[in-house]
Amino acid sequence: MEHKAISIRPFIGAENFQLSRSFYRDLGFQESVISHDFSYFYTEGVGFYLQGHYVKDWVDNTMLFLEVDNVERYWNELLALDLTSKYKTVKLSPIRNQEWGRECFVHDPSGILWHFGEFFKEK
């Protein structure tokens, strides 16, 4: 198979679409509204579709990994947003060191688990 992939755009669900839209805008994603319950969120050439469709088992088992250039800076910016005060179901988990790099975690308002990670650079 020969092709040139341009992007990959996962679809994620939202229990409360308007609340999730606000959350992702707070995280710094730009939004392109497609319809009343469907938007594309993007930053720096990567993105995902958020839809006003919620299936608990699906959402509870959805994880996304976003590679960032500096996980420590990203973590400090997450803390500064005070997301857990603004969104009662959002959970943040601090940076963990792994054998491949470092990552921190955020559960969005619906329960989607985001990994924000930085890979170790080869020397």
PDB file of N, CA and C in Angstrom:
ATOM      1  N   MET A   1       0.840  -1.179   0.000  1.00  0.00           N
ATOM      2  CA  MET A   1       0.000   0.000   0.000  1.00  0.00           C
ATOM      3  C   MET A   1       0.882   1.239   0.000  1.00  0.00           C
ATOM      4  N   GLU A   2       0.607   2.127  -0.920  1.00  0.00           N
ATOM      5  CA  GLU A   2       1.399   3.342  -0.974  1.00  0.00           C
ATOM      6  C   GLU A   2       0.463   4.548  -0.907  1.00  0.00           C
ATOM      7  N   HIS A   3       0.671   5.353   0.119  1.00  0.00           N
ATOM      8  CA  HIS A   3      -0.116   6.576   0.250  1.00  0.00           C
ATOM      9  C   HIS A   3       0.657   7.567   1.093  1.00  0.00           C
ATOM     10  N   LYS A   4       0.244   8.797   1.037  1.00  0.00           N
ATOM     11  CA  LYS A   4       0.874   9.843   1.837  1.00  0.00           C
ATOM     12  C   LYS A   4      -0.177  10.385   2.796  1.00  0.00           C
ATOM     13  N   ALA A   5      -0.099   9.927   4.029  1.00  0.00           N
ATOM     14  CA  ALA A   5      -1.055  10.376   5.036  1.00  0.00           C
ATOM     15  C   ALA A   5      -0.817  11.849   5.347  1.00  0.00           C
ATOM     16  N   ILE A   6      -1.879  12.560   5.563  1.00  0.00           N
ATOM     17  CA  ILE A   6      -1.821  13.986   5.875  1.00  0.00           C
ATOM     18  C   ILE A   6      -2.069  14.224   7.364  1.00  0.00           C
ATOM     19  N   SER A   7      -3.046  13.542   7.927  1.00  0.00           N
ATOM     20  CA  SER A   7      -3.346  13.705   9.350  1.00  0.00           C
ATOM     21  C   SER A   7      -4.184  12.528   9.812  1.00  0.00           C
ATOM     22  N   ILE A   8      -4.308  12.419  11.114  1.00  0.00           N
ATOM     23  CA  ILE A   8      -5.241  11.474  11.717  1.00  0.00           C
ATOM     24  C   ILE A   8      -6.090  12.290  12.694  1.00  0.00           C
ATOM     25  N   ARG A   9      -7.390  12.109  12.620  1.00  0.00           N
ATOM     26  CA  ARG A   9      -8.312  12.922  13.406  1.00  0.00           C
ATOM     27  C   ARG A   9      -9.312  12.024  14.120  1.00  0.00           C
ATOM     28  N   PRO A  10      -9.035  11.674  15.358  1.00  0.00           N
ATOM     29  CA  PRO A  10      -9.985  10.824  16.080  1.00  0.00           C
ATOM     30  C   PRO A  10     -11.284  11.563  16.387  1.00  0.00           C
ATOM     31  N   PHE A  11     -12.341  10.797  16.551  1.00  0.00           N
ATOM     32  CA  PHE A  11     -13.638  11.309  16.972  1.00  0.00           C
ATOM     33  C   PHE A  11     -13.786  10.985  18.454  1.00  0.00           C
ATOM     34  N   ILE A  12     -14.139  11.985  19.248  1.00  0.00           N
ATOM     35  CA  ILE A  12     -14.395  11.735  20.669  1.00  0.00           C
ATOM     36  C   ILE A  12     -15.784  12.240  21.026  1.00  0.00           C
ATOM     37  N   GLY A  13     -16.369  11.612  22.021  1.00  0.00           N
ATOM     38  CA  GLY A  13     -17.710  11.965  22.454  1.00  0.00           C
ATOM     39  C   GLY A  13     -17.700  12.945  23.609  1.00  0.00           C
ATOM     40  N   ALA A  14     -18.851  13.546  23.826  1.00  0.00           N
ATOM     41  CA  ALA A  14     -19.018  14.501  24.919  1.00  0.00           C
ATOM     42  C   ALA A  14     -20.366  14.278  25.573  1.00  0.00           C
ATOM     43  N   GLU A  15     -20.339  14.111  26.884  1.00  0.00           N
ATOM     44  CA  GLU A  15     -21.594  13.978  27.625  1.00  0.00           C
ATOM     45  C   GLU A  15     -22.363  15.298  27.605  1.00  0.00           C
ATOM     46  N   ASN A  16     -21.640  16.391  27.798  1.00  0.00           N
ATOM     47  CA  ASN A  16     -22.206  17.736  27.717  1.00  0.00           C
ATOM     48  C   ASN A  16     -21.380  18.494  26.678  1.00  0.00           C
ATOM     49  N   PHE A  17     -21.890  18.583  25.474  1.00  0.00           N
ATOM     50  CA  PHE A  17     -21.135  19.127  24.348  1.00  0.00           C
ATOM     51  C   PHE A  17     -20.658  20.556  24.609  1.00  0.00           C
ATOM     52  N   GLN A  18     -21.524  21.423  25.121  1.00  0.00           N
ATOM     53  CA  GLN A  18     -21.141  22.820  25.349  1.00  0.00           C
ATOM     54  C   GLN A  18     -20.047  22.933  26.404  1.00  0.00           C
ATOM     55  N   LEU A  19     -20.139  22.149  27.458  1.00  0.00           N
ATOM     56  CA  LEU A  19     -19.119  22.150  28.503  1.00  0.00           C
ATOM     57  C   LEU A  19     -17.780  21.679  27.946  1.00  0.00           C
ATOM     58  N   SER A  20     -17.806  20.613  27.154  1.00  0.00           N
ATOM     59  CA  SER A  20     -16.570  20.097  26.561  1.00  0.00           C
ATOM     60  C   SER A  20     -15.970  21.096  25.578  1.00  0.00           C
ATOM     61  N   ARG A  21     -16.795  21.780  24.819  1.00  0.00           N
ATOM     62  CA  ARG A  21     -16.289  22.824  23.915  1.00  0.00           C
ATOM     63  C   ARG A  21     -15.527  23.882  24.692  1.00  0.00           C
ATOM     64  N   SER A  22     -16.102  24.325  25.783  1.00  0.00           N
ATOM     65  CA  SER A  22     -15.458  25.331  26.616  1.00  0.00           C
ATOM     66  C   SER A  22     -14.127  24.823  27.170  1.00  0.00           C
ATOM     67  N   PHE A  23     -14.121  23.579  27.622  1.00  0.00           N
ATOM     68  CA  PHE A  23     -12.915  22.956  28.167  1.00  0.00           C
ATOM     69  C   PHE A  23     -11.791  22.950  27.127  1.00  0.00           C
ATOM     70  N   TYR A  24     -12.084  22.519  25.931  1.00  0.00           N
ATOM     71  CA  TYR A  24     -11.038  22.425  24.904  1.00  0.00           C
ATOM     72  C   TYR A  24     -10.565  23.791  24.433  1.00  0.00           C
ATOM     73  N   ARG A  25     -11.445  24.766  24.428  1.00  0.00           N
ATOM     74  CA  ARG A  25     -10.998  26.127  24.124  1.00  0.00           C
ATOM     75  C   ARG A  25     -10.088  26.642  25.242  1.00  0.00           C
ATOM     76  N   ASP A  26     -10.427  26.318  26.506  1.00  0.00           N
ATOM     77  CA  ASP A  26      -9.557  26.697  27.623  1.00  0.00           C
ATOM     78  C   ASP A  26      -8.181  26.059  27.504  1.00  0.00           C
ATOM     79  N   LEU A  27      -8.119  24.850  26.961  1.00  0.00           N
ATOM     80  CA  LEU A  27      -6.830  24.185  26.765  1.00  0.00           C
ATOM     81  C   LEU A  27      -6.014  24.805  25.629  1.00  0.00           C
ATOM     82  N   GLY A  28      -6.596  25.724  24.896  1.00  0.00           N
ATOM     83  CA  GLY A  28      -5.867  26.412  23.848  1.00  0.00           C
ATOM     84  C   GLY A  28      -6.107  25.885  22.448  1.00  0.00           C
ATOM     85  N   PHE A  29      -7.041  24.956  22.295  1.00  0.00           N
ATOM     86  CA  PHE A  29      -7.379  24.469  20.965  1.00  0.00           C
ATOM     87  C   PHE A  29      -8.254  25.493  20.251  1.00  0.00           C
ATOM     88  N   GLN A  30      -8.061  25.614  18.951  1.00  0.00           N
ATOM     89  CA  GLN A  30      -8.933  26.427  18.108  1.00  0.00           C
ATOM     90  C   GLN A  30     -10.115  25.549  17.703  1.00  0.00           C
ATOM     91  N   GLU A  31     -11.270  26.166  17.520  1.00  0.00           N
ATOM     92  CA  GLU A  31     -12.465  25.403  17.167  1.00  0.00           C
ATOM     93  C   GLU A  31     -12.987  25.822  15.806  1.00  0.00           C
ATOM     94  N   SER A  32     -13.329  24.825  15.020  1.00  0.00           N
ATOM     95  CA  SER A  32     -14.029  25.039  13.763  1.00  0.00           C
ATOM     96  C   SER A  32     -15.376  24.328  13.887  1.00  0.00           C
ATOM     97  N   VAL A  33     -16.458  25.092  13.976  1.00  0.00           N
ATOM     98  CA  VAL A  33     -17.791  24.528  14.160  1.00  0.00           C
ATOM     99  C   VAL A  33     -18.265  23.923  12.844  1.00  0.00           C
ATOM    100  N   ILE A  34     -18.698  22.676  12.918  1.00  0.00           N
ATOM    101  CA  ILE A  34     -19.208  21.984  11.736  1.00  0.00           C
ATOM    102  C   ILE A  34     -20.736  21.965  11.761  1.00  0.00           C
ATOM    103  N   SER A  35     -21.302  21.690  12.933  1.00  0.00           N
ATOM    104  CA  SER A  35     -22.757  21.753  13.124  1.00  0.00           C
ATOM    105  C   SER A  35     -23.024  22.045  14.599  1.00  0.00           C
ATOM    106  N   HIS A  36     -24.298  22.051  14.987  1.00  0.00           N
ATOM    107  CA  HIS A  36     -24.644  22.431  16.357  1.00  0.00           C
ATOM    108  C   HIS A  36     -24.064  21.495  17.408  1.00  0.00           C
ATOM    109  N   ASP A  37     -23.719  20.261  17.042  1.00  0.00           N
ATOM    110  CA  ASP A  37     -23.159  19.324  18.030  1.00  0.00           C
ATOM    111  C   ASP A  37     -21.936  18.579  17.476  1.00  0.00           C
ATOM    112  N   PHE A  38     -21.165  19.282  16.645  1.00  0.00           N
ATOM    113  CA  PHE A  38     -20.005  18.657  16.013  1.00  0.00           C
ATOM    114  C   PHE A  38     -18.990  19.740  15.663  1.00  0.00           C
ATOM    115  N   SER A  39     -17.772  19.633  16.203  1.00  0.00           N
ATOM    116  CA  SER A  39     -16.719  20.625  15.947  1.00  0.00           C
ATOM    117  C   SER A  39     -15.383  19.938  15.744  1.00  0.00           C
ATOM    118  N   TYR A  40     -14.522  20.611  15.024  1.00  0.00           N
ATOM    119  CA  TYR A  40     -13.146  20.180  14.864  1.00  0.00           C
ATOM    120  C   TYR A  40     -12.278  21.089  15.720  1.00  0.00           C
ATOM    121  N   PHE A  41     -11.460  20.507  16.598  1.00  0.00           N
ATOM    122  CA  PHE A  41     -10.536  21.251  17.447  1.00  0.00           C
ATOM    123  C   PHE A  41      -9.126  20.956  16.984  1.00  0.00           C
ATOM    124  N   TYR A  42      -8.285  21.984  16.935  1.00  0.00           N
ATOM    125  CA  TYR A  42      -6.948  21.788  16.394  1.00  0.00           C
ATOM    126  C   TYR A  42      -5.949  22.760  17.008  1.00  0.00           C
ATOM    127  N   THR A  43      -4.693  22.368  16.909  1.00  0.00           N
ATOM    128  CA  THR A  43      -3.564  23.205  17.290  1.00  0.00           C
ATOM    129  C   THR A  43      -2.318  22.668  16.611  1.00  0.00           C
ATOM    130  N   GLU A  44      -1.488  23.555  16.106  1.00  0.00           N
ATOM    131  CA  GLU A  44      -0.194  23.160  15.547  1.00  0.00           C
ATOM    132  C   GLU A  44      -0.266  21.976  14.579  1.00  0.00           C
ATOM    133  N   GLY A  45      -1.293  21.938  13.752  1.00  0.00           N
ATOM    134  CA  GLY A  45      -1.376  20.903  12.736  1.00  0.00           C
ATOM    135  C   GLY A  45      -1.947  19.564  13.183  1.00  0.00           C
ATOM    136  N   VAL A  46      -2.388  19.452  14.428  1.00  0.00           N
ATOM    137  CA  VAL A  46      -3.037  18.227  14.911  1.00  0.00           C
ATOM    138  C   VAL A  46      -4.435  18.575  15.406  1.00  0.00           C
ATOM    139  N   GLY A  47      -5.337  17.606  15.345  1.00  0.00           N
ATOM    140  CA  GLY A  47      -6.682  17.903  15.787  1.00  0.00           C
ATOM    141  C   GLY A  47      -7.540  16.678  15.987  1.00  0.00           C
ATOM    142  N   PHE A  48      -8.762  16.933  16.422  1.00  0.00           N
ATOM    143  CA  PHE A  48      -9.733  15.872  16.685  1.00  0.00           C
ATOM    144  C   PHE A  48     -11.134  16.439  16.508  1.00  0.00           C
ATOM    145  N   TYR A  49     -12.080  15.539  16.296  1.00  0.00           N
ATOM    146  CA  TYR A  49     -13.485  15.919  16.195  1.00  0.00           C
ATOM    147  C   TYR A  49     -14.159  15.668  17.541  1.00  0.00           C
ATOM    148  N   LEU A  50     -14.902  16.652  18.011  1.00  0.00           N
ATOM    149  CA  LEU A  50     -15.709  16.517  19.223  1.00  0.00           C
ATOM    150  C   LEU A  50     -17.166  16.480  18.781  1.00  0.00           C
ATOM    151  N   GLN A  51     -17.878  15.483  19.275  1.00  0.00           N
ATOM    152  CA  GLN A  51     -19.281  15.348  18.893  1.00  0.00           C
ATOM    153  C   GLN A  51     -20.170  15.245  20.126  1.00  0.00           C
ATOM    154  N   GLY A  52     -21.361  15.769  19.997  1.00  0.00           N
ATOM    155  CA  GLY A  52     -22.336  15.714  21.071  1.00  0.00           C
ATOM    156  C   GLY A  52     -23.014  14.358  21.118  1.00  0.00           C
ATOM    157  N   HIS A  53     -22.233  13.346  21.200  1.00  0.00           N
ATOM    158  CA  HIS A  53     -22.726  11.967  21.254  1.00  0.00           C
ATOM    159  C   HIS A  53     -21.977  11.278  22.381  1.00  0.00           C
ATOM    160  N   TYR A  54     -22.702  10.642  23.282  1.00  0.00           N
ATOM    161  CA  TYR A  54     -22.080  10.059  24.470  1.00  0.00           C
ATOM    162  C   TYR A  54     -22.549   8.624  24.653  1.00  0.00           C
ATOM    163  N   VAL A  55     -21.584   7.721  24.670  1.00  0.00           N
ATOM    164  CA  VAL A  55     -21.801   6.329  25.046  1.00  0.00           C
ATOM    165  C   VAL A  55     -20.787   6.054  26.143  1.00  0.00           C
ATOM    166  N   LYS A  56     -21.250   5.822  27.345  1.00  0.00           N
ATOM    167  CA  LYS A  56     -20.366   5.716  28.506  1.00  0.00           C
ATOM    168  C   LYS A  56     -19.214   4.741  28.285  1.00  0.00           C
ATOM    169  N   ASP A  57     -19.488   3.541  27.828  1.00  0.00           N
ATOM    170  CA  ASP A  57     -18.413   2.556  27.633  1.00  0.00           C
ATOM    171  C   ASP A  57     -17.377   3.041  26.623  1.00  0.00           C
ATOM    172  N   TRP A  58     -17.824   3.698  25.583  1.00  0.00           N
ATOM    173  CA  TRP A  58     -16.904   4.223  24.574  1.00  0.00           C
ATOM    174  C   TRP A  58     -16.033   5.323  25.174  1.00  0.00           C
ATOM    175  N   VAL A  59     -16.654   6.314  25.803  1.00  0.00           N
ATOM    176  CA  VAL A  59     -15.914   7.433  26.370  1.00  0.00           C
ATOM    177  C   VAL A  59     -14.987   6.967  27.483  1.00  0.00           C
ATOM    178  N   ASP A  60     -15.468   6.078  28.347  1.00  0.00           N
ATOM    179  CA  ASP A  60     -14.638   5.591  29.451  1.00  0.00           C
ATOM    180  C   ASP A  60     -13.411   4.817  28.982  1.00  0.00           C
ATOM    181  N   ASN A  61     -13.413   4.382  27.735  1.00  0.00           N
ATOM    182  CA  ASN A  61     -12.282   3.616  27.200  1.00  0.00           C
ATOM    183  C   ASN A  61     -11.524   4.371  26.117  1.00  0.00           C
ATOM    184  N   THR A  62     -11.720   5.677  26.032  1.00  0.00           N
ATOM    185  CA  THR A  62     -11.018   6.489  25.044  1.00  0.00           C
ATOM    186  C   THR A  62      -9.818   7.166  25.695  1.00  0.00           C
ATOM    187  N   MET A  63      -8.654   7.000  25.058  1.00  0.00           N
ATOM    188  CA  MET A  63      -7.429   7.663  25.487  1.00  0.00           C
ATOM    189  C   MET A  63      -6.773   8.290  24.260  1.00  0.00           C
ATOM    190  N   LEU A  64      -6.232   9.475  24.447  1.00  0.00           N
ATOM    191  CA  LEU A  64      -5.505  10.165  23.389  1.00  0.00           C
ATOM    192  C   LEU A  64      -4.140  10.581  23.932  1.00  0.00           C
ATOM    193  N   PHE A  65      -3.139  10.525  23.081  1.00  0.00           N
ATOM    194  CA  PHE A  65      -1.791  10.953  23.459  1.00  0.00           C
ATOM    195  C   PHE A  65      -1.431  12.155  22.598  1.00  0.00           C
ATOM    196  N   LEU A  66      -1.071  13.258  23.252  1.00  0.00           N
ATOM    197  CA  LEU A  66      -0.609  14.444  22.545  1.00  0.00           C
ATOM    198  C   LEU A  66       0.841  14.682  22.939  1.00  0.00           C
ATOM    199  N   GLU A  67       1.728  14.593  21.956  1.00  0.00           N
ATOM    200  CA  GLU A  67       3.141  14.860  22.221  1.00  0.00           C
ATOM    201  C   GLU A  67       3.340  16.367  22.322  1.00  0.00           C
ATOM    202  N   VAL A  68       4.013  16.788  23.380  1.00  0.00           N
ATOM    203  CA  VAL A  68       4.321  18.202  23.600  1.00  0.00           C
ATOM    204  C   VAL A  68       5.843  18.370  23.666  1.00  0.00           C
ATOM    205  N   ASP A  69       6.307  19.582  23.449  1.00  0.00           N
ATOM    206  CA  ASP A  69       7.751  19.810  23.418  1.00  0.00           C
ATOM    207  C   ASP A  69       8.383  19.890  24.801  1.00  0.00           C
ATOM    208  N   ASN A  70       7.585  20.238  25.822  1.00  0.00           N
ATOM    209  CA  ASN A  70       8.121  20.381  27.175  1.00  0.00           C
ATOM    210  C   ASN A  70       6.998  20.052  28.159  1.00  0.00           C
ATOM    211  N   VAL A  71       6.995  18.836  28.666  1.00  0.00           N
ATOM    212  CA  VAL A  71       5.882  18.390  29.506  1.00  0.00           C
ATOM    213  C   VAL A  71       5.827  19.155  30.832  1.00  0.00           C
ATOM    214  N   GLU A  72       6.957  19.558  31.357  1.00  0.00           N
ATOM    215  CA  GLU A  72       6.940  20.307  32.616  1.00  0.00           C
ATOM    216  C   GLU A  72       6.262  21.667  32.443  1.00  0.00           C
ATOM    217  N   ARG A  73       6.615  22.364  31.380  1.00  0.00           N
ATOM    218  CA  ARG A  73       5.957  23.649  31.104  1.00  0.00           C
ATOM    219  C   ARG A  73       4.463  23.433  30.868  1.00  0.00           C
ATOM    220  N   TYR A  74       4.127  22.395  30.117  1.00  0.00           N
ATOM    221  CA  TYR A  74       2.728  22.102  29.830  1.00  0.00           C
ATOM    222  C   TYR A  74       1.961  21.830  31.129  1.00  0.00           C
ATOM    223  N   TRP A  75       2.545  21.052  32.027  1.00  0.00           N
ATOM    224  CA  TRP A  75       1.924  20.739  33.313  1.00  0.00           C
ATOM    225  C   TRP A  75       1.670  22.017  34.114  1.00  0.00           C
ATOM    226  N   ASN A  76       2.671  22.887  34.177  1.00  0.00           N
ATOM    227  CA  ASN A  76       2.508  24.142  34.923  1.00  0.00           C
ATOM    228  C   ASN A  76       1.414  25.013  34.317  1.00  0.00           C
ATOM    229  N   GLU A  77       1.301  25.008  32.991  1.00  0.00           N
ATOM    230  CA  GLU A  77       0.234  25.761  32.340  1.00  0.00           C
ATOM    231  C   GLU A  77      -1.131  25.143  32.634  1.00  0.00           C
ATOM    232  N   LEU A  78      -1.200  23.805  32.679  1.00  0.00           N
ATOM    233  CA  LEU A  78      -2.456  23.136  33.051  1.00  0.00           C
ATOM    234  C   LEU A  78      -2.884  23.547  34.458  1.00  0.00           C
ATOM    235  N   LEU A  79      -1.926  23.539  35.390  1.00  0.00           N
ATOM    236  CA  LEU A  79      -2.244  23.932  36.770  1.00  0.00           C
ATOM    237  C   LEU A  79      -2.732  25.367  36.836  1.00  0.00           C
ATOM    238  N   ALA A  80      -2.114  26.250  36.081  1.00  0.00           N
ATOM    239  CA  ALA A  80      -2.487  27.671  36.093  1.00  0.00           C
ATOM    240  C   ALA A  80      -3.911  27.896  35.572  1.00  0.00           C
ATOM    241  N   LEU A  81      -4.398  26.995  34.731  1.00  0.00           N
ATOM    242  CA  LEU A  81      -5.763  27.123  34.206  1.00  0.00           C
ATOM    243  C   LEU A  81      -6.826  26.826  35.260  1.00  0.00           C
ATOM    244  N   ASP A  82      -6.452  26.159  36.357  1.00  0.00           N
ATOM    245  CA  ASP A  82      -7.368  25.816  37.445  1.00  0.00           C
ATOM    246  C   ASP A  82      -8.607  25.062  36.932  1.00  0.00           C
ATOM    247  N   LEU A  83      -8.348  24.107  36.075  1.00  0.00           N
ATOM    248  CA  LEU A  83      -9.427  23.371  35.408  1.00  0.00           C
ATOM    249  C   LEU A  83     -10.309  22.586  36.378  1.00  0.00           C
ATOM    250  N   THR A  84      -9.745  22.070  37.454  1.00  0.00           N
ATOM    251  CA  THR A  84     -10.534  21.264  38.390  1.00  0.00           C
ATOM    252  C   THR A  84     -11.533  22.109  39.173  1.00  0.00           C
ATOM    253  N   SER A  85     -11.302  23.398  39.273  1.00  0.00           N
ATOM    254  CA  SER A  85     -12.284  24.284  39.904  1.00  0.00           C
ATOM    255  C   SER A  85     -13.391  24.655  38.926  1.00  0.00           C
ATOM    256  N   LYS A  86     -13.024  24.847  37.679  1.00  0.00           N
ATOM    257  CA  LYS A  86     -13.974  25.286  36.665  1.00  0.00           C
ATOM    258  C   LYS A  86     -14.846  24.137  36.155  1.00  0.00           C
ATOM    259  N   TYR A  87     -14.275  22.926  36.119  1.00  0.00           N
ATOM    260  CA  TYR A  87     -14.973  21.745  35.596  1.00  0.00           C
ATOM    261  C   TYR A  87     -14.930  20.655  36.660  1.00  0.00           C
ATOM    262  N   LYS A  88     -16.063  20.390  37.296  1.00  0.00           N
ATOM    263  CA  LYS A  88     -16.074  19.520  38.487  1.00  0.00           C
ATOM    264  C   LYS A  88     -15.630  18.089  38.226  1.00  0.00           C
ATOM    265  N   THR A  89     -15.758  17.569  37.009  1.00  0.00           N
ATOM    266  CA  THR A  89     -15.371  16.179  36.746  1.00  0.00           C
ATOM    267  C   THR A  89     -13.971  16.037  36.143  1.00  0.00           C
ATOM    268  N   VAL A  90     -13.300  17.152  35.887  1.00  0.00           N
ATOM    269  CA  VAL A  90     -11.947  17.095  35.318  1.00  0.00           C
ATOM    270  C   VAL A  90     -10.962  16.663  36.398  1.00  0.00           C
ATOM    271  N   LYS A  91     -10.062  15.754  36.015  1.00  0.00           N
ATOM    272  CA  LYS A  91      -9.019  15.271  36.929  1.00  0.00           C
ATOM    273  C   LYS A  91      -7.671  15.476  36.268  1.00  0.00           C
ATOM    274  N   LEU A  92      -6.691  15.912  37.051  1.00  0.00           N
ATOM    275  CA  LEU A  92      -5.314  16.055  36.585  1.00  0.00           C
ATOM    276  C   LEU A  92      -4.424  15.113  37.386  1.00  0.00           C
ATOM    277  N   SER A  93      -3.497  14.469  36.705  1.00  0.00           N
ATOM    278  CA  SER A  93      -2.508  13.604  37.358  1.00  0.00           C
ATOM    279  C   SER A  93      -1.127  14.111  36.977  1.00  0.00           C
ATOM    280  N   PRO A  94      -0.252  14.276  37.976  1.00  0.00           N
ATOM    281  CA  PRO A  94       1.048  14.910  37.728  1.00  0.00           C
ATOM    282  C   PRO A  94       1.972  14.081  36.836  1.00  0.00           C
ATOM    283  N   ILE A  95       3.072  14.699  36.485  1.00  0.00           N
ATOM    284  CA  ILE A  95       4.069  14.098  35.599  1.00  0.00           C
ATOM    285  C   ILE A  95       4.594  12.797  36.188  1.00  0.00           C
ATOM    286  N   ARG A  96       4.673  11.812  35.315  1.00  0.00           N
ATOM    287  CA  ARG A  96       5.302  10.531  35.652  1.00  0.00           C
ATOM    288  C   ARG A  96       6.465  10.313  34.700  1.00  0.00           C
ATOM    289  N   ASN A  97       7.538   9.810  35.238  1.00  0.00           N
ATOM    290  CA  ASN A  97       8.689   9.443  34.419  1.00  0.00           C
ATOM    291  C   ASN A  97       8.512   8.013  33.953  1.00  0.00           C
ATOM    292  N   GLN A  98       8.688   7.806  32.670  1.00  0.00           N
ATOM    293  CA  GLN A  98       8.594   6.484  32.064  1.00  0.00           C
ATOM    294  C   GLN A  98       9.946   6.162  31.432  1.00  0.00           C
ATOM    295  N   GLU A  99      10.126   4.933  30.987  1.00  0.00           N
ATOM    296  CA  GLU A  99      11.398   4.574  30.344  1.00  0.00           C
ATOM    297  C   GLU A  99      11.582   5.277  28.995  1.00  0.00           C
ATOM    298  N   TRP A 100      10.509   5.719  28.380  1.00  0.00           N
ATOM    299  CA  TRP A 100      10.550   6.356  27.065  1.00  0.00           C
ATOM    300  C   TRP A 100      10.494   7.880  27.117  1.00  0.00           C
ATOM    301  N   GLY A 101      10.081   8.445  28.289  1.00  0.00           N
ATOM    302  CA  GLY A 101       9.925   9.890  28.406  1.00  0.00           C
ATOM    303  C   GLY A 101       9.139  10.254  29.648  1.00  0.00           C
ATOM    304  N   ARG A 102       8.404  11.347  29.569  1.00  0.00           N
ATOM    305  CA  ARG A 102       7.613  11.824  30.707  1.00  0.00           C
ATOM    306  C   ARG A 102       6.228  12.194  30.211  1.00  0.00           C
ATOM    307  N   GLU A 103       5.224  12.050  31.096  1.00  0.00           N
ATOM    308  CA  GLU A 103       3.864  12.405  30.715  1.00  0.00           C
ATOM    309  C   GLU A 103       3.046  12.789  31.939  1.00  0.00           C
ATOM    310  N   CYS A 104       2.018  13.600  31.695  1.00  0.00           N
ATOM    311  CA  CYS A 104       1.010  13.916  32.697  1.00  0.00           C
ATOM    312  C   CYS A 104      -0.340  13.592  32.071  1.00  0.00           C
ATOM    313  N   PHE A 105      -1.393  13.640  32.882  1.00  0.00           N
ATOM    314  CA  PHE A 105      -2.687  13.153  32.427  1.00  0.00           C
ATOM    315  C   PHE A 105      -3.805  14.118  32.805  1.00  0.00           C
ATOM    316  N   VAL A 106      -4.824  14.168  31.942  1.00  0.00           N
ATOM    317  CA  VAL A 106      -6.025  14.955  32.210  1.00  0.00           C
ATOM    318  C   VAL A 106      -7.233  14.139  31.748  1.00  0.00           C
ATOM    319  N   HIS A 107      -8.224  14.031  32.624  1.00  0.00           N
ATOM    320  CA  HIS A 107      -9.532  13.496  32.222  1.00  0.00           C
ATOM    321  C   HIS A 107     -10.407  14.693  31.874  1.00  0.00           C
ATOM    322  N   ASP A 108     -10.969  14.706  30.681  1.00  0.00           N
ATOM    323  CA  ASP A 108     -11.817  15.819  30.271  1.00  0.00           C
ATOM    324  C   ASP A 108     -13.169  15.752  30.989  1.00  0.00           C
ATOM    325  N   PRO A 109     -14.070  16.705  30.774  1.00  0.00           N
ATOM    326  CA  PRO A 109     -15.342  16.714  31.508  1.00  0.00           C
ATOM    327  C   PRO A 109     -16.194  15.453  31.328  1.00  0.00           C
ATOM    328  N   SER A 110     -16.006  14.727  30.219  1.00  0.00           N
ATOM    329  CA  SER A 110     -16.777  13.504  29.979  1.00  0.00           C
ATOM    330  C   SER A 110     -16.061  12.255  30.465  1.00  0.00           C
ATOM    331  N   GLY A 111     -14.757  12.360  30.721  1.00  0.00           N
ATOM    332  CA  GLY A 111     -13.981  11.205  31.168  1.00  0.00           C
ATOM    333  C   GLY A 111     -12.925  10.731  30.187  1.00  0.00           C
ATOM    334  N   ILE A 112     -12.805  11.375  29.021  1.00  0.00           N
ATOM    335  CA  ILE A 112     -11.754  11.038  28.060  1.00  0.00           C
ATOM    336  C   ILE A 112     -10.403  11.254  28.726  1.00  0.00           C
ATOM    337  N   LEU A 113      -9.510  10.263  28.627  1.00  0.00           N
ATOM    338  CA  LEU A 113      -8.186  10.377  29.235  1.00  0.00           C
ATOM    339  C   LEU A 113      -7.175  10.860  28.207  1.00  0.00           C
ATOM    340  N   TRP A 114      -6.591  12.015  28.488  1.00  0.00           N
ATOM    341  CA  TRP A 114      -5.537  12.588  27.659  1.00  0.00           C
ATOM    342  C   TRP A 114      -4.192  12.349  28.320  1.00  0.00           C
ATOM    343  N   HIS A 115      -3.228  11.885  27.527  1.00  0.00           N
ATOM    344  CA  HIS A 115      -1.834  11.785  27.941  1.00  0.00           C
ATOM    345  C   HIS A 115      -1.110  12.932  27.236  1.00  0.00           C
ATOM    346  N   PHE A 116      -0.424  13.765  27.983  1.00  0.00           N
ATOM    347  CA  PHE A 116       0.409  14.816  27.399  1.00  0.00           C
ATOM    348  C   PHE A 116       1.841  14.419  27.694  1.00  0.00           C
ATOM    349  N   GLY A 117       2.603  14.069  26.656  1.00  0.00           N
ATOM    350  CA  GLY A 117       3.911  13.487  26.884  1.00  0.00           C
ATOM    351  C   GLY A 117       5.017  14.081  26.052  1.00  0.00           C
ATOM    352  N   GLU A 118       6.210  13.850  26.565  1.00  0.00           N
ATOM    353  CA  GLU A 118       7.443  14.297  25.914  1.00  0.00           C
ATOM    354  C   GLU A 118       8.382  13.099  25.868  1.00  0.00           C
ATOM    355  N   PHE A 119       8.849  12.757  24.682  1.00  0.00           N
ATOM    356  CA  PHE A 119       9.767  11.640  24.517  1.00  0.00           C
ATOM    357  C   PHE A 119      11.191  12.081  24.830  1.00  0.00           C
ATOM    358  N   PHE A 120      11.969  11.184  25.427  1.00  0.00           N
ATOM    359  CA  PHE A 120      13.389  11.478  25.630  1.00  0.00           C
ATOM    360  C   PHE A 120      14.067  11.607  24.281  1.00  0.00           C
ATOM    361  N   LYS A 121      14.970  12.537  24.177  1.00  0.00           N
ATOM    362  CA  LYS A 121      15.731  12.735  22.940  1.00  0.00           C
ATOM    363  C   LYS A 121      16.912  11.760  22.940  1.00  0.00           C
ATOM    364  N   GLU A 122      17.177  11.169  21.795  1.00  0.00           N
ATOM    365  CA  GLU A 122      18.332  10.281  21.669  1.00  0.00           C
ATOM    366  C   GLU A 122      19.598  11.133  21.621  1.00  0.00           C
ATOM    367  N   LYS A 123      20.631  10.626  22.279  1.00  0.00           N
ATOM    368  CA  LYS A 123      21.895  11.373  22.318  1.00  0.00           C
ATOM    369  C   LYS A 123      22.890  10.792  21.371  1.00  0.00           C
TER     370      LYS A 123
END
